[in-house]
PDB file of N, CA and C in Angstrom:
ATOM      1  N   MET A   1     107.627  -4.883  71.213  1.00  0.00           N
ATOM      2  CA  MET A   1     107.470  -4.846  72.707  1.00  0.00           C
ATOM      3  C   MET A   1     106.249  -5.771  72.957  1.00  0.00           C
ATOM      4  N   ALA A   2     106.326  -6.613  73.939  1.00  0.00           N
ATOM      5  CA  ALA A   2     105.203  -7.706  74.277  1.00  0.00           C
ATOM      6  C   ALA A   2     104.275  -6.978  75.333  1.00  0.00           C
ATOM      7  N   GLN A   3     103.242  -7.675  75.117  1.00  0.00           N
ATOM      8  CA  GLN A   3     102.086  -7.195  76.230  1.00  0.00           C
ATOM      9  C   GLN A   3     101.617  -8.386  76.683  1.00  0.00           C
ATOM     10  N   LYS A   4     101.008  -8.187  77.977  1.00  0.00           N
ATOM     11  CA  LYS A   4     100.250  -9.366  78.802  1.00  0.00           C
ATOM     12  C   LYS A   4      98.931  -8.805  78.998  1.00  0.00           C
ATOM     13  N   VAL A   5      98.075  -9.247  78.420  1.00  0.00           N
ATOM     14  CA  VAL A   5      96.698  -8.843  78.755  1.00  0.00           C
ATOM     15  C   VAL A   5      95.985  -9.736  79.713  1.00  0.00           C
ATOM     16  N   GLN A   6      95.235  -9.376  80.670  1.00  0.00           N
ATOM     17  CA  GLN A   6      94.902 -10.256  81.801  1.00  0.00           C
ATOM     18  C   GLN A   6      93.256  -9.754  81.962  1.00  0.00           C
ATOM     19  N   VAL A   7      92.373 -10.733  81.664  1.00  0.00           N
ATOM     20  CA  VAL A   7      91.059 -10.556  82.010  1.00  0.00           C
ATOM     21  C   VAL A   7      90.757 -11.071  83.367  1.00  0.00           C
ATOM     22  N   VAL A   8      89.992 -10.252  84.203  1.00  0.00           N
ATOM     23  CA  VAL A   8      89.576 -10.676  85.422  1.00  0.00           C
ATOM     24  C   VAL A   8      87.942 -10.708  85.442  1.00  0.00           C
ATOM     25  N   LEU A   9      87.311 -11.716  85.713  1.00  0.00           N
ATOM     26  CA  LEU A   9      86.069 -11.687  85.731  1.00  0.00           C
ATOM     27  C   LEU A   9      85.551 -11.498  87.068  1.00  0.00           C
ATOM     28  N   LEU A  10      84.681 -10.617  87.282  1.00  0.00           N
ATOM     29  CA  LEU A  10      84.107 -10.249  88.462  1.00  0.00           C
ATOM     30  C   LEU A  10      82.606 -10.708  88.736  1.00  0.00           C
ATOM     31  N   CYS A  11      82.140 -11.043  89.870  1.00  0.00           N
ATOM     32  CA  CYS A  11      80.992 -11.721  90.176  1.00  0.00           C
ATOM     33  C   CYS A  11      79.866 -10.717  89.839  1.00  0.00           C
ATOM     34  N   ASP A  12      78.910 -11.027  89.191  1.00  0.00           N
ATOM     35  CA  ASP A  12      77.754 -10.053  88.565  1.00  0.00           C
ATOM     36  C   ASP A  12      76.773  -9.832  89.772  1.00  0.00           C
ATOM     37  N   VAL A  13      76.824 -10.801  90.601  1.00  0.00           N
ATOM     38  CA  VAL A  13      75.717 -10.666  91.875  1.00  0.00           C
ATOM     39  C   VAL A  13      76.284  -9.896  92.822  1.00  0.00           C
ATOM     40  N   ASP A  14      77.476  -9.963  93.024  1.00  0.00           N
ATOM     41  CA  ASP A  14      78.185  -8.938  93.963  1.00  0.00           C
ATOM     42  C   ASP A  14      78.677  -7.659  93.435  1.00  0.00           C
ATOM     43  N   ASN A  15      78.084  -7.331  92.459  1.00  0.00           N
ATOM     44  CA  ASN A  15      78.351  -6.042  91.559  1.00  0.00           C
ATOM     45  C   ASN A  15      79.928  -5.742  91.433  1.00  0.00           C
ATOM     46  N   GLY A  16      80.589  -6.974  91.321  1.00  0.00           N
ATOM     47  CA  GLY A  16      81.962  -6.773  90.953  1.00  0.00           C
ATOM     48  C   GLY A  16      83.010  -6.678  92.239  1.00  0.00           C
ATOM     49  N   ASP A  17      82.209  -6.951  93.350  1.00  0.00           N
ATOM     50  CA  ASP A  17      83.040  -6.924  94.674  1.00  0.00           C
ATOM     51  C   ASP A  17      83.937  -8.035  94.738  1.00  0.00           C
ATOM     52  N   THR A  18      83.563  -9.161  94.053  1.00  0.00           N
ATOM     53  CA  THR A  18      84.304 -10.560  94.218  1.00  0.00           C
ATOM     54  C   THR A  18      84.604 -11.125  92.921  1.00  0.00           C
ATOM     55  N   ASP A  19      85.821 -11.739  92.865  1.00  0.00           N
ATOM     56  CA  ASP A  19      86.334 -12.334  91.819  1.00  0.00           C
ATOM     57  C   ASP A  19      85.382 -13.461  91.464  1.00  0.00           C
ATOM     58  N   ALA A  20      85.101 -13.647  89.976  1.00  0.00           N
ATOM     59  CA  ALA A  20      84.108 -14.810  89.747  1.00  0.00           C
ATOM     60  C   ALA A  20      85.020 -15.991  89.254  1.00  0.00           C
ATOM     61  N   GLN A  21      84.686 -16.990  89.647  1.00  0.00           N
ATOM     62  CA  GLN A  21      85.192 -18.316  89.386  1.00  0.00           C
ATOM     63  C   GLN A  21      84.653 -18.931  88.151  1.00  0.00           C
ATOM     64  N   GLU A  22      83.443 -18.843  87.630  1.00  0.00           N
ATOM     65  CA  GLU A  22      82.914 -19.525  86.462  1.00  0.00           C
ATOM     66  C   GLU A  22      81.946 -18.453  85.909  1.00  0.00           C
ATOM     67  N   THR A  23      81.613 -18.918  84.687  1.00  0.00           N
ATOM     68  CA  THR A  23      80.574 -18.242  83.967  1.00  0.00           C
ATOM     69  C   THR A  23      79.448 -19.465  83.750  1.00  0.00           C
ATOM     70  N   LEU A  24      78.247 -19.031  84.306  1.00  0.00           N
ATOM     71  CA  LEU A  24      77.291 -20.118  84.154  1.00  0.00           C
ATOM     72  C   LEU A  24      76.200 -19.661  82.968  1.00  0.00           C
ATOM     73  N   LYS A  25      75.934 -20.732  82.225  1.00  0.00           N
ATOM     74  CA  LYS A  25      75.166 -20.219  80.943  1.00  0.00           C
ATOM     75  C   LYS A  25      73.743 -20.967  81.081  1.00  0.00           C
ATOM     76  N   PHE A  26      72.747 -20.392  80.884  1.00  0.00           N
ATOM     77  CA  PHE A  26      71.317 -20.922  80.976  1.00  0.00           C
ATOM     78  C   PHE A  26      70.426 -20.339  79.988  1.00  0.00           C
ATOM     79  N   SER A  27      69.374 -20.859  79.778  1.00  0.00           N
ATOM     80  CA  SER A  27      68.157 -20.222  78.860  1.00  0.00           C
ATOM     81  C   SER A  27      66.817 -20.423  79.509  1.00  0.00           C
ATOM     82  N   LEU A  28      66.103 -19.424  79.256  1.00  0.00           N
ATOM     83  CA  LEU A  28      64.734 -19.344  79.633  1.00  0.00           C
ATOM     84  C   LEU A  28      63.821 -18.785  78.750  1.00  0.00           C
ATOM     85  N   ASP A  29      62.749 -19.362  78.286  1.00  0.00           N
ATOM     86  CA  ASP A  29      61.919 -18.814  77.336  1.00  0.00           C
ATOM     87  C   ASP A  29      62.439 -18.538  76.008  1.00  0.00           C
ATOM     88  N   GLY A  30      63.366 -19.282  75.632  1.00  0.00           N
ATOM     89  CA  GLY A  30      64.135 -19.094  74.447  1.00  0.00           C
ATOM     90  C   GLY A  30      65.049 -17.932  74.237  1.00  0.00           C
ATOM     91  N   ASN A  31      65.492 -17.569  75.390  1.00  0.00           N
ATOM     92  CA  ASN A  31      66.521 -16.420  75.541  1.00  0.00           C
ATOM     93  C   ASN A  31      67.771 -17.228  76.324  1.00  0.00           C
ATOM     94  N   ALA A  32      68.882 -16.937  75.621  1.00  0.00           N
ATOM     95  CA  ALA A  32      70.191 -17.408  76.476  1.00  0.00           C
ATOM     96  C   ALA A  32      70.756 -16.430  77.230  1.00  0.00           C
ATOM     97  N   TYR A  33      71.348 -16.920  78.367  1.00  0.00           N
ATOM     98  CA  TYR A  33      71.896 -15.895  79.287  1.00  0.00           C
ATOM     99  C   TYR A  33      73.058 -16.618  79.676  1.00  0.00           C
ATOM    100  N   GLU A  34      74.283 -15.629  80.247  1.00  0.00           N
ATOM    101  CA  GLU A  34      75.384 -15.835  80.800  1.00  0.00           C
ATOM    102  C   GLU A  34      75.578 -15.060  82.161  1.00  0.00           C
ATOM    103  N   ILE A  35      76.016 -15.455  83.250  1.00  0.00           N
ATOM    104  CA  ILE A  35      76.327 -14.810  84.430  1.00  0.00           C
ATOM    105  C   ILE A  35      77.650 -15.286  84.948  1.00  0.00           C
ATOM    106  N   ASP A  36      78.441 -14.170  85.418  1.00  0.00           N
ATOM    107  CA  ASP A  36      79.718 -14.407  85.897  1.00  0.00           C
ATOM    108  C   ASP A  36      79.690 -14.431  87.351  1.00  0.00           C
ATOM    109  N   VAL A  37      80.193 -15.648  87.964  1.00  0.00           N
ATOM    110  CA  VAL A  37      79.733 -15.727  89.509  1.00  0.00           C
ATOM    111  C   VAL A  37      80.744 -16.401  90.193  1.00  0.00           C
ATOM    112  N   CYS A  38      80.877 -15.990  91.419  1.00  0.00           N
ATOM    113  CA  CYS A  38      81.854 -16.400  92.511  1.00  0.00           C
ATOM    114  C   CYS A  38      81.253 -17.823  92.939  1.00  0.00           C
ATOM    115  N   ALA A  39      82.198 -18.638  93.534  1.00  0.00           N
ATOM    116  CA  ALA A  39      81.609 -19.962  93.821  1.00  0.00           C
ATOM    117  C   ALA A  39      80.459 -20.051  94.777  1.00  0.00           C
ATOM    118  N   ARG A  40      80.349 -19.257  95.737  1.00  0.00           N
ATOM    119  CA  ARG A  40      79.188 -19.164  96.547  1.00  0.00           C
ATOM    120  C   ARG A  40      77.884 -18.906  95.688  1.00  0.00           C
ATOM    121  N   HIS A  41      77.883 -17.830  95.007  1.00  0.00           N
ATOM    122  CA  HIS A  41      76.532 -17.668  93.912  1.00  0.00           C
ATOM    123  C   HIS A  41      76.411 -18.828  92.934  1.00  0.00           C
ATOM    124  N   ALA A  42      77.344 -19.458  92.328  1.00  0.00           N
ATOM    125  CA  ALA A  42      77.171 -20.506  91.484  1.00  0.00           C
ATOM    126  C   ALA A  42      76.677 -21.734  91.980  1.00  0.00           C
ATOM    127  N   GLN A  43      76.951 -22.085  93.237  1.00  0.00           N
ATOM    128  CA  GLN A  43      76.404 -23.129  94.216  1.00  0.00           C
ATOM    129  C   GLN A  43      74.956 -22.627  94.623  1.00  0.00           C
ATOM    130  N   GLN A  44      74.460 -21.330  94.921  1.00  0.00           N
ATOM    131  CA  GLN A  44      73.359 -20.895  95.121  1.00  0.00           C
ATOM    132  C   GLN A  44      72.305 -21.089  93.962  1.00  0.00           C
ATOM    133  N   ILE A  45      72.757 -20.920  92.736  1.00  0.00           N
ATOM    134  CA  ILE A  45      72.171 -20.876  91.617  1.00  0.00           C
ATOM    135  C   ILE A  45      71.935 -22.389  91.082  1.00  0.00           C
ATOM    136  N   GLN A  46      72.823 -23.237  91.372  1.00  0.00           N
ATOM    137  CA  GLN A  46      72.655 -24.576  91.149  1.00  0.00           C
ATOM    138  C   GLN A  46      71.676 -25.225  91.976  1.00  0.00           C
ATOM    139  N   ASP A  47      71.797 -25.017  93.233  1.00  0.00           N
ATOM    140  CA  ASP A  47      70.858 -25.466  94.261  1.00  0.00           C
ATOM    141  C   ASP A  47      69.561 -24.919  94.076  1.00  0.00           C
ATOM    142  N   ALA A  48      69.332 -24.004  93.511  1.00  0.00           N
ATOM    143  CA  ALA A  48      68.059 -23.240  93.399  1.00  0.00           C
ATOM    144  C   ALA A  48      67.272 -24.025  92.094  1.00  0.00           C
ATOM    145  N   LEU A  49      68.022 -24.347  91.082  1.00  0.00           N
ATOM    146  CA  LEU A  49      67.619 -24.993  89.868  1.00  0.00           C
ATOM    147  C   LEU A  49      67.400 -26.374  90.027  1.00  0.00           C
ATOM    148  N   GLN A  50      68.254 -27.064  90.964  1.00  0.00           N
ATOM    149  CA  GLN A  50      68.109 -28.411  90.928  1.00  0.00           C
ATOM    150  C   GLN A  50      66.817 -29.174  90.980  1.00  0.00           C
ATOM    151  N   PRO A  51      65.832 -28.760  91.934  1.00  0.00           N
ATOM    152  CA  PRO A  51      64.518 -29.232  91.895  1.00  0.00           C
ATOM    153  C   PRO A  51      63.788 -29.082  90.399  1.00  0.00           C
ATOM    154  N   PHE A  52      64.084 -28.227  89.532  1.00  0.00           N
ATOM    155  CA  PHE A  52      63.450 -28.103  88.366  1.00  0.00           C
ATOM    156  C   PHE A  52      64.204 -29.097  87.272  1.00  0.00           C
ATOM    157  N   VAL A  53      65.484 -28.988  87.436  1.00  0.00           N
ATOM    158  CA  VAL A  53      66.259 -29.666  86.596  1.00  0.00           C
ATOM    159  C   VAL A  53      66.002 -31.530  86.654  1.00  0.00           C
ATOM    160  N   ALA A  54      65.843 -31.824  87.992  1.00  0.00           N
ATOM    161  CA  ALA A  54      65.497 -33.126  88.245  1.00  0.00           C
ATOM    162  C   ALA A  54      64.235 -33.533  87.439  1.00  0.00           C
ATOM    163  N   HIS A  55      63.232 -32.848  86.949  1.00  0.00           N
ATOM    164  CA  HIS A  55      61.778 -33.059  86.557  1.00  0.00           C
ATOM    165  C   HIS A  55      61.992 -32.558  84.995  1.00  0.00           C
ATOM    166  N   ALA A  56      62.999 -32.013  84.725  1.00  0.00           N
ATOM    167  CA  ALA A  56      63.077 -31.531  83.190  1.00  0.00           C
ATOM    168  C   ALA A  56      63.642 -32.543  82.487  1.00  0.00           C
ATOM    169  N   ARG A  57      63.461 -32.163  81.076  1.00  0.00           N
ATOM    170  CA  ARG A  57      64.139 -33.075  79.991  1.00  0.00           C
ATOM    171  C   ARG A  57      64.922 -32.202  79.112  1.00  0.00           C
ATOM    172  N   LYS A  58      66.043 -32.844  78.682  1.00  0.00           N
ATOM    173  CA  LYS A  58      67.001 -31.978  77.667  1.00  0.00           C
ATOM    174  C   LYS A  58      66.375 -31.760  76.591  1.00  0.00           C
ATOM    175  N   ALA A  59      66.401 -30.413  75.980  1.00  0.00           N
ATOM    176  CA  ALA A  59      65.996 -29.974  74.618  1.00  0.00           C
ATOM    177  C   ALA A  59      66.910 -30.352  73.697  1.00  0.00           C
ATOM    178  N   ALA A  60      66.440 -30.890  72.448  1.00  0.00           N
ATOM    179  CA  ALA A  60      67.412 -31.182  71.254  1.00  0.00           C
ATOM    180  C   ALA A  60      67.875 -29.780  70.842  1.00  0.00           C
ATOM    181  N   GLY A  61      69.260 -29.674  70.783  1.00  0.00           N
ATOM    182  CA  GLY A  61      69.686 -28.574  69.965  1.00  0.00           C
ATOM    183  C   GLY A  61      69.781 -27.343  71.007  1.00  0.00           C
ATOM    184  N   ALA A  62      69.637 -27.425  72.215  1.00  0.00           N
ATOM    185  CA  ALA A  62      69.464 -26.427  73.062  1.00  0.00           C
ATOM    186  C   ALA A  62      70.674 -25.910  73.500  1.00  0.00           C
ATOM    187  N   SER A  63      71.826 -26.576  73.305  1.00  0.00           N
ATOM    188  CA  SER A  63      73.249 -26.252  73.835  1.00  0.00           C
ATOM    189  C   SER A  63      73.815 -25.182  73.041  1.00  0.00           C
ATOM    190  N   ALA A  64      73.780 -25.087  71.784  1.00  0.00           N
ATOM    191  CA  ALA A  64      74.359 -24.184  70.852  1.00  0.00           C
ATOM    192  C   ALA A  64      73.275 -23.473  70.020  1.00  0.00           C
ATOM    193  N   PRO A  65      72.698 -22.356  70.385  1.00  0.00           N
ATOM    194  CA  PRO A  65      71.716 -21.633  69.488  1.00  0.00           C
ATOM    195  C   PRO A  65      72.564 -21.146  68.274  1.00  0.00           C
ATOM    196  N   ARG A  66      71.658 -21.394  67.141  1.00  0.00           N
ATOM    197  CA  ARG A  66      72.273 -20.985  65.705  1.00  0.00           C
ATOM    198  C   ARG A  66      72.294 -19.595  65.653  1.00  0.00           C
ATOM    199  N   ARG A  67      73.380 -19.067  64.820  1.00  0.00           N
ATOM    200  CA  ARG A  67      73.479 -17.734  64.532  1.00  0.00           C
ATOM    201  C   ARG A  67      72.762 -17.327  63.217  1.00  0.00           C
ATOM    202  N   ALA A  68      72.061 -16.255  63.214  1.00  0.00           N
ATOM    203  CA  ALA A  68      71.302 -16.052  62.116  1.00  0.00           C
ATOM    204  C   ALA A  68      72.398 -15.359  61.086  1.00  0.00           C
ATOM    205  N   ARG A  69      72.016 -15.618  59.830  1.00  0.00           N
ATOM    206  CA  ARG A  69      72.954 -15.003  58.759  1.00  0.00           C
ATOM    207  C   ARG A  69      72.604 -13.678  58.662  1.00  0.00           C
ATOM    208  N   ALA A  70      73.625 -12.813  58.434  1.00  0.00           N
ATOM    209  CA  ALA A  70      73.435 -11.373  58.150  1.00  0.00           C
ATOM    210  C   ALA A  70      72.544 -11.046  56.765  1.00  0.00           C
ATOM    211  N   PRO A  71      71.658 -10.080  56.850  1.00  0.00           N
ATOM    212  CA  PRO A  71      70.882  -9.896  55.686  1.00  0.00           C
ATOM    213  C   PRO A  71      71.839  -9.555  54.718  1.00  0.00           C
ATOM    214  N   GLY A  72      71.757 -10.091  53.477  1.00  0.00           N
ATOM    215  CA  GLY A  72      72.446  -9.884  52.356  1.00  0.00           C
ATOM    216  C   GLY A  72      73.779 -10.759  52.172  1.00  0.00           C
ATOM    217  N   ALA A  73      74.170 -11.524  53.224  1.00  0.00           N
ATOM    218  CA  ALA A  73      75.202 -12.209  53.177  1.00  0.00           C
ATOM    219  C   ALA A  73      75.514 -13.229  52.045  1.00  0.00           C
ATOM    220  N   ARG A  74      74.224 -13.942  51.668  1.00  0.00           N
ATOM    221  CA  ARG A  74      74.311 -14.723  50.493  1.00  0.00           C
ATOM    222  C   ARG A  74      74.675 -14.037  49.289  1.00  0.00           C
ATOM    223  N   ARG A  75      74.158 -12.770  49.081  1.00  0.00           N
ATOM    224  CA  ARG A  75      74.454 -11.969  47.863  1.00  0.00           C
ATOM    225  C   ARG A  75      75.975 -11.529  47.940  1.00  0.00           C
ATOM    226  N   GLN A  76      76.597 -11.302  49.082  1.00  0.00           N
ATOM    227  CA  GLN A  76      77.934 -10.791  49.182  1.00  0.00           C
ATOM    228  C   GLN A  76      78.737 -11.950  48.943  1.00  0.00           C
ATOM    229  N   THR A  77      78.450 -13.190  49.318  1.00  0.00           N
ATOM    230  CA  THR A  77      79.383 -14.423  49.013  1.00  0.00           C
ATOM    231  C   THR A  77      79.231 -14.568  47.569  1.00  0.00           C
ATOM    232  N   ALA A  78      78.077 -14.476  46.839  1.00  0.00           N
ATOM    233  CA  ALA A  78      78.122 -14.673  45.524  1.00  0.00           C
ATOM    234  C   ALA A  78      79.013 -13.621  44.797  1.00  0.00           C
ATOM    235  N   SER A  79      78.895 -12.366  45.164  1.00  0.00           N
ATOM    236  CA  SER A  79      79.763 -11.350  44.737  1.00  0.00           C
ATOM    237  C   SER A  79      81.284 -11.569  44.884  1.00  0.00           C
ATOM    238  N   ILE A  80      81.751 -12.162  46.001  1.00  0.00           N
ATOM    239  CA  ILE A  80      83.093 -12.538  46.378  1.00  0.00           C
ATOM    240  C   ILE A  80      83.572 -13.576  45.368  1.00  0.00           C
ATOM    241  N   ARG A  81      82.656 -14.812  45.447  1.00  0.00           N
ATOM    242  CA  ARG A  81      83.044 -15.630  44.303  1.00  0.00           C
ATOM    243  C   ARG A  81      83.252 -15.351  42.889  1.00  0.00           C
ATOM    244  N   SER A  82      82.283 -14.499  42.415  1.00  0.00           N
ATOM    245  CA  SER A  82      82.422 -13.797  41.121  1.00  0.00           C
ATOM    246  C   SER A  82      83.849 -13.094  40.988  1.00  0.00           C
ATOM    247  N   TRP A  83      84.108 -12.272  41.935  1.00  0.00           N
ATOM    248  CA  TRP A  83      85.119 -11.427  41.838  1.00  0.00           C
ATOM    249  C   TRP A  83      86.414 -12.115  42.009  1.00  0.00           C
ATOM    250  N   ALA A  84      86.455 -13.315  42.644  1.00  0.00           N
ATOM    251  CA  ALA A  84      87.582 -14.200  42.844  1.00  0.00           C
ATOM    252  C   ALA A  84      87.822 -14.895  41.451  1.00  0.00           C
ATOM    253  N   LYS A  85      86.686 -15.516  40.871  1.00  0.00           N
ATOM    254  CA  LYS A  85      87.030 -16.142  39.814  1.00  0.00           C
ATOM    255  C   LYS A  85      87.391 -15.122  38.592  1.00  0.00           C
ATOM    256  N   ASP A  86      87.016 -14.051  38.590  1.00  0.00           N
ATOM    257  CA  ASP A  86      87.525 -12.913  37.558  1.00  0.00           C
ATOM    258  C   ASP A  86      88.957 -12.685  37.741  1.00  0.00           C
ATOM    259  N   HIS A  87      89.580 -12.803  38.870  1.00  0.00           N
ATOM    260  CA  HIS A  87      90.954 -12.491  39.422  1.00  0.00           C
ATOM    261  C   HIS A  87      91.604 -13.855  39.234  1.00  0.00           C
ATOM    262  N   ARG A  88      91.087 -14.979  38.681  1.00  0.00           N
ATOM    263  CA  ARG A  88      91.824 -16.358  38.577  1.00  0.00           C
ATOM    264  C   ARG A  88      92.224 -16.665  40.122  1.00  0.00           C
ATOM    265  N   ILE A  89      91.338 -16.469  41.113  1.00  0.00           N
ATOM    266  CA  ILE A  89      91.605 -16.857  42.400  1.00  0.00           C
ATOM    267  C   ILE A  89      90.694 -18.284  42.474  1.00  0.00           C
ATOM    268  N   THR A  90      91.262 -19.265  43.020  1.00  0.00           N
ATOM    269  CA  THR A  90      90.369 -20.479  43.031  1.00  0.00           C
ATOM    270  C   THR A  90      89.433 -20.529  44.332  1.00  0.00           C
ATOM    271  N   VAL A  91      88.144 -20.647  44.008  1.00  0.00           N
ATOM    272  CA  VAL A  91      87.193 -20.768  45.258  1.00  0.00           C
ATOM    273  C   VAL A  91      86.206 -21.897  44.896  1.00  0.00           C
ATOM    274  N   ASN A  92      85.796 -22.569  45.955  1.00  0.00           N
ATOM    275  CA  ASN A  92      84.703 -23.598  45.637  1.00  0.00           C
ATOM    276  C   ASN A  92      83.392 -22.876  45.533  1.00  0.00           C
ATOM    277  N   ASP A  93      82.588 -23.560  44.765  1.00  0.00           N
ATOM    278  CA  ASP A  93      81.132 -23.134  44.496  1.00  0.00           C
ATOM    279  C   ASP A  93      80.347 -23.146  45.691  1.00  0.00           C
ATOM    280  N   ARG A  94      80.704 -23.826  46.794  1.00  0.00           N
ATOM    281  CA  ARG A  94      79.813 -23.910  47.928  1.00  0.00           C
ATOM    282  C   ARG A  94      80.789 -24.134  48.988  1.00  0.00           C
ATOM    283  N   GLY A  95      80.197 -23.699  50.324  1.00  0.00           N
ATOM    284  CA  GLY A  95      81.020 -23.769  51.571  1.00  0.00           C
ATOM    285  C   GLY A  95      81.529 -22.411  51.874  1.00  0.00           C
ATOM    286  N   ARG A  96      82.452 -22.351  52.861  1.00  0.00           N
ATOM    287  CA  ARG A  96      83.293 -21.127  53.291  1.00  0.00           C
ATOM    288  C   ARG A  96      84.189 -20.541  52.305  1.00  0.00           C
ATOM    289  N   ILE A  97      84.260 -19.397  52.264  1.00  0.00           N
ATOM    290  CA  ILE A  97      85.144 -18.796  51.491  1.00  0.00           C
ATOM    291  C   ILE A  97      86.402 -18.320  52.245  1.00  0.00           C
ATOM    292  N   PRO A  98      87.659 -18.807  51.887  1.00  0.00           N
ATOM    293  CA  PRO A  98      88.755 -18.436  52.621  1.00  0.00           C
ATOM    294  C   PRO A  98      88.795 -17.033  53.146  1.00  0.00           C
ATOM    295  N   ALA A  99      89.292 -16.673  54.447  1.00  0.00           N
ATOM    296  CA  ALA A  99      89.303 -15.579  55.014  1.00  0.00           C
ATOM    297  C   ALA A  99      90.210 -14.572  54.118  1.00  0.00           C
ATOM    298  N   SER A 100      91.432 -15.142  53.563  1.00  0.00           N
ATOM    299  CA  SER A 100      92.336 -14.364  52.744  1.00  0.00           C
ATOM    300  C   SER A 100      91.642 -13.742  51.452  1.00  0.00           C
ATOM    301  N   VAL A 101      90.788 -14.622  50.869  1.00  0.00           N
ATOM    302  CA  VAL A 101      89.885 -14.259  49.771  1.00  0.00           C
ATOM    303  C   VAL A 101      89.128 -12.995  50.043  1.00  0.00           C
ATOM    304  N   VAL A 102      88.344 -13.350  51.205  1.00  0.00           N
ATOM    305  CA  VAL A 102      87.319 -12.172  51.575  1.00  0.00           C
ATOM    306  C   VAL A 102      88.222 -10.808  51.879  1.00  0.00           C
ATOM    307  N   LYS A 103      89.402 -11.117  52.549  1.00  0.00           N
ATOM    308  CA  LYS A 103      90.138  -9.719  52.828  1.00  0.00           C
ATOM    309  C   LYS A 103      90.553  -9.211  51.579  1.00  0.00           C
ATOM    310  N   ASP A 104      91.096  -9.942  50.631  1.00  0.00           N
ATOM    311  CA  ASP A 104      91.387  -9.391  49.532  1.00  0.00           C
ATOM    312  C   ASP A 104      90.377  -8.528  48.585  1.00  0.00           C
ATOM    313  N   TYR A 105      89.181  -9.160  48.537  1.00  0.00           N
ATOM    314  CA  TYR A 105      87.914  -8.705  47.872  1.00  0.00           C
ATOM    315  C   TYR A 105      87.479  -7.357  48.604  1.00  0.00           C
ATOM    316  N   GLU A 106      87.631  -7.414  50.105  1.00  0.00           N
ATOM    317  CA  GLU A 106      87.275  -6.153  50.748  1.00  0.00           C
ATOM    318  C   GLU A 106      88.256  -4.899  50.500  1.00  0.00           C
ATOM    319  N   ALA A 107      89.423  -5.399  50.337  1.00  0.00           N
ATOM    320  CA  ALA A 107      90.535  -4.257  50.131  1.00  0.00           C
ATOM    321  C   ALA A 107      90.327  -3.848  48.532  1.00  0.00           C
ATOM    322  N   ALA A 108      89.699  -4.536  47.812  1.00  0.00           N
ATOM    323  CA  ALA A 108      89.667  -3.960  46.348  1.00  0.00           C
ATOM    324  C   ALA A 108      88.284  -3.178  46.169  1.00  0.00           C
ATOM    325  N   HIS A 109      87.533  -3.299  47.262  1.00  0.00           N
ATOM    326  CA  HIS A 109      86.452  -2.561  47.069  1.00  0.00           C
ATOM    327  C   HIS A 109      86.125  -1.542  48.077  1.00  0.00           C
TER     328      HIS A 109
END
């Protein structure tokens, strides 16, 4: 059976009464935000920020905040590599572990 899933974004400013045309991303004081807005509110936000943007400078690396590694993630990758080698599964000593190997490891534990 086939399914079709449709996601409809609603304007956050209108409390969902209007369809949103875009998602605006911005950051302030080190916090990243996203807001789904209709065309009218998108223009209002851009107009309000324009005087400040005109005097601002782009920050290095501000476009994509880094994700923090989960606690114990390094210890788990070492365990997965060790398990894989014990089971004669080829994995590199560094870099990303293939998802299939992680899946097999999790199924075994």
